[in-house]
Amino acid sequence: MELTLPELRALTSWAAACASRALPRYEARIPGDPRPREAITAAEAFAAGDPRTKILRTTAWAALAAAGETSDPVASAAARAAVGAAGAAYLHPLESPHQVKHIVGPAQQAAMACELDGGDAEAEIRWALSQAPPEVPALLRRFPPGKPGRTRLGELHRQLETALRTDQRR
């Protein structure tokens, strides 16, 4: 399987947009920690045409550390959305269900952060689906079905994956 730079840029742009919606939730709880914002900024730069560089991986790892350092589940989910945004540029061309998590992860984690903060995860998913460019469902359909767990996070994954696979962008 081959993944083109235009496909990866479209996916990363969408992932960054989804993660950006969760970012204020992180920053309200962990003021002064720039790591998730830096990951999203790096993702946006790649999506806009910058080369794929070490900064994407570095900021993704830093945002993952931020997610792990907090005991606040809202902040952790928001930071994980940022991790996924920066990591989207490095989606692997492996026909593996695991790769599906990398495609839906930023939207899934943003919806989880929203719900944990008292918001409407379903509305967040509807927004994410409405913003998905055509490349995202086309890309997703090239991978085997994901294997989400039985948790609430897994349910959000299923909703996103099913809607994207059947191109039910709203």
Protein backbone atom coordinates (compact mmCIF):
# COMPACT_ATOMS: atom_id res chain seq x y z
CA MET A 1 0.00 0.00 0.00
CA GLU A 2 1.24 3.46 -0.80
CA LEU A 3 0.22 6.59 1.07
CA THR A 4 0.77 9.83 -0.79
CA LEU A 5 1.85 13.12 0.76
CA PRO A 6 -1.40 14.81 -0.34
CA GLU A 7 -3.38 12.08 1.46
CA LEU A 8 -1.27 12.42 4.59
CA ARG A 9 -1.57 16.21 4.49
CA ALA A 10 -5.38 15.99 4.20
CA LEU A 11 -5.55 13.52 7.09
CA THR A 12 -3.20 15.62 9.21
CA SER A 13 -5.14 18.81 8.51
CA TRP A 14 -8.35 17.14 9.68
CA ALA A 15 -6.63 15.61 12.70
CA ALA A 16 -5.21 19.00 13.69
CA ALA A 17 -8.62 20.65 13.34
CA CYS A 18 -10.17 18.00 15.61
CA ALA A 19 -7.39 18.28 18.18
CA SER A 20 -7.59 22.08 18.14
CA ARG A 21 -11.14 21.89 19.43
CA ALA A 22 -9.95 19.95 22.49
CA LEU A 23 -6.91 22.13 23.14
CA PRO A 24 -8.69 24.83 25.21
CA ARG A 25 -9.81 22.09 27.60
CA TYR A 26 -6.18 21.08 28.15
CA GLU A 27 -4.90 24.63 28.49
CA ALA A 28 -7.62 25.54 31.00
CA ARG A 29 -6.49 22.68 33.23
CA ILE A 30 -2.75 22.79 32.62
CA PRO A 31 -1.99 26.46 31.94
CA GLY A 32 1.49 27.22 30.72
CA ASP A 33 2.19 23.77 29.24
CA PRO A 34 2.76 24.33 25.51
CA ARG A 35 3.32 20.71 24.47
CA PRO A 36 -0.09 19.82 23.01
CA ARG A 37 -0.30 23.19 21.23
CA GLU A 38 3.18 22.66 19.78
CA ALA A 39 2.14 19.24 18.45
CA ILE A 40 -0.93 20.73 16.78
CA THR A 41 1.11 23.60 15.35
CA ALA A 42 3.61 21.14 13.87
CA ALA A 43 0.75 19.13 12.37
CA GLU A 44 -0.80 22.26 10.86
CA ALA A 45 2.54 23.25 9.34
CA PHE A 46 2.94 19.84 7.70
CA ALA A 47 -0.65 19.92 6.47
CA ALA A 48 0.01 23.33 4.92
CA GLY A 49 3.00 22.05 2.96
CA ASP A 50 6.01 21.98 5.27
CA PRO A 51 8.18 18.87 5.00
CA ARG A 52 7.76 15.91 7.30
CA THR A 53 10.50 16.49 9.84
CA LYS A 54 11.66 15.41 13.27
CA ILE A 55 9.63 18.23 14.85
CA LEU A 56 6.43 16.23 14.24
CA ARG A 57 7.74 13.23 16.15
CA THR A 58 9.36 15.34 18.86
CA THR A 59 6.19 17.32 19.54
CA ALA A 60 4.01 14.20 19.39
CA TRP A 61 6.18 12.47 22.00
CA ALA A 62 6.13 15.61 24.15
CA ALA A 63 2.33 15.80 23.97
CA LEU A 64 2.15 12.10 24.88
CA ALA A 65 4.29 12.82 27.93
CA ALA A 66 1.93 15.66 28.83
CA ALA A 67 -1.04 13.27 28.58
CA GLY A 68 0.67 10.81 30.87
CA GLU A 69 1.76 13.36 33.45
CA THR A 70 -1.72 14.59 34.30
CA SER A 71 -4.29 12.81 36.41
CA ASP A 72 -7.03 14.94 34.82
CA PRO A 73 -8.86 12.73 32.29
CA VAL A 74 -10.09 15.71 30.25
CA ALA A 75 -6.59 17.13 29.89
CA SER A 76 -5.19 13.69 29.10
CA ALA A 77 -7.71 13.06 26.31
CA ALA A 78 -7.12 16.52 24.86
CA ALA A 79 -3.35 15.97 24.87
CA ARG A 80 -3.82 12.57 23.22
CA ALA A 81 -5.80 14.26 20.45
CA ALA A 82 -2.76 16.49 19.86
CA VAL A 83 -0.47 13.43 19.82
CA GLY A 84 -2.62 11.93 17.09
CA ALA A 85 -2.61 15.12 15.06
CA ALA A 86 1.18 15.29 14.91
CA GLY A 87 1.45 11.54 14.42
CA ALA A 88 -0.99 11.50 11.49
CA ALA A 89 1.80 12.61 9.18
CA TYR A 90 3.49 9.28 9.89
CA LEU A 91 0.58 6.93 9.28
CA HIS A 92 2.16 3.61 8.28
CA PRO A 93 1.24 1.98 4.98
CA LEU A 94 0.60 -1.32 6.73
CA GLU A 95 -2.65 -3.17 6.16
CA SER A 96 -3.23 -3.41 9.89
CA PRO A 97 -6.31 -2.66 12.01
CA HIS A 98 -4.02 -0.76 14.37
CA GLN A 99 -3.50 1.98 11.78
CA VAL A 100 -7.22 2.79 11.94
CA LYS A 101 -6.67 4.06 15.49
CA HIS A 102 -4.22 6.59 14.07
CA ILE A 103 -6.80 7.81 11.57
CA VAL A 104 -9.75 8.23 13.95
CA GLY A 105 -7.74 8.87 17.14
CA PRO A 106 -7.61 12.67 17.15
CA ALA A 107 -11.37 13.01 16.59
CA GLN A 108 -12.07 10.18 19.04
CA GLN A 109 -9.93 11.72 21.79
CA ALA A 110 -11.37 15.19 21.18
CA ALA A 111 -14.88 13.76 21.56
CA MET A 112 -13.83 11.98 24.75
CA ALA A 113 -12.35 15.18 26.19
CA CYS A 114 -15.57 16.98 25.34
CA GLU A 115 -17.73 14.34 27.02
CA LEU A 116 -15.55 14.09 30.12
CA ASP A 117 -15.85 17.86 30.42
CA GLY A 118 -19.65 17.66 30.43
CA GLY A 119 -20.08 18.30 26.71
CA ASP A 120 -21.74 16.30 23.95
CA ALA A 121 -19.41 13.73 22.39
CA GLU A 122 -21.98 12.95 19.71
CA ALA A 123 -22.02 16.59 18.62
CA GLU A 124 -18.23 16.60 18.55
CA ILE A 125 -18.25 13.50 16.35
CA ARG A 126 -20.83 15.06 14.04
CA TRP A 127 -18.60 18.13 13.73
CA ALA A 128 -15.52 15.99 13.01
CA LEU A 129 -17.39 14.03 10.35
CA SER A 130 -18.65 17.22 8.74
CA GLN A 131 -15.08 18.48 8.48
CA ALA A 132 -13.48 15.30 7.11
CA PRO A 133 -12.18 15.88 3.60
CA PRO A 134 -12.93 13.14 1.03
CA GLU A 135 -9.39 11.80 1.39
CA VAL A 136 -10.04 10.65 4.96
CA PRO A 137 -12.82 8.11 4.28
CA ALA A 138 -11.04 7.01 1.10
CA LEU A 139 -7.85 6.44 3.08
CA LEU A 140 -9.64 4.64 5.91
CA ARG A 141 -11.32 2.20 3.52
CA ARG A 142 -7.88 1.01 2.38
CA PHE A 143 -7.24 -0.43 5.84
CA PRO A 144 -8.92 -3.45 7.46
CA PRO A 145 -11.54 -2.70 10.12
CA GLY A 146 -10.18 -1.43 13.40
CA LYS A 147 -10.43 -3.32 16.66
CA PRO A 148 -11.80 -0.87 19.19
CA GLY A 149 -12.30 -2.05 22.73
CA ARG A 150 -15.52 -2.25 24.70
CA THR A 151 -14.96 0.99 26.57
CA ARG A 152 -16.60 4.32 25.90
CA LEU A 153 -13.49 5.31 23.95
CA GLY A 154 -13.98 2.18 21.85
CA GLU A 155 -17.59 3.14 21.18
CA LEU A 156 -16.49 6.57 19.96
CA HIS A 157 -13.96 4.83 17.69
CA ARG A 158 -16.71 2.59 16.26
CA GLN A 159 -18.99 5.55 15.58
CA LEU A 160 -16.27 7.45 13.75
CA GLU A 161 -14.96 4.49 11.80
CA THR A 162 -18.42 3.30 10.72
CA ALA A 163 -19.48 6.76 9.58
CA LEU A 164 -16.23 7.35 7.70
CA ARG A 165 -16.21 3.91 6.06
CA THR A 166 -19.74 4.44 4.78
CA ASP A 167 -18.96 8.09 3.96
CA GLN A 168 -21.66 9.43 6.25
CA ARG A 169 -19.97 12.79 6.60
CA ARG A 170 -22.66 15.20 7.68
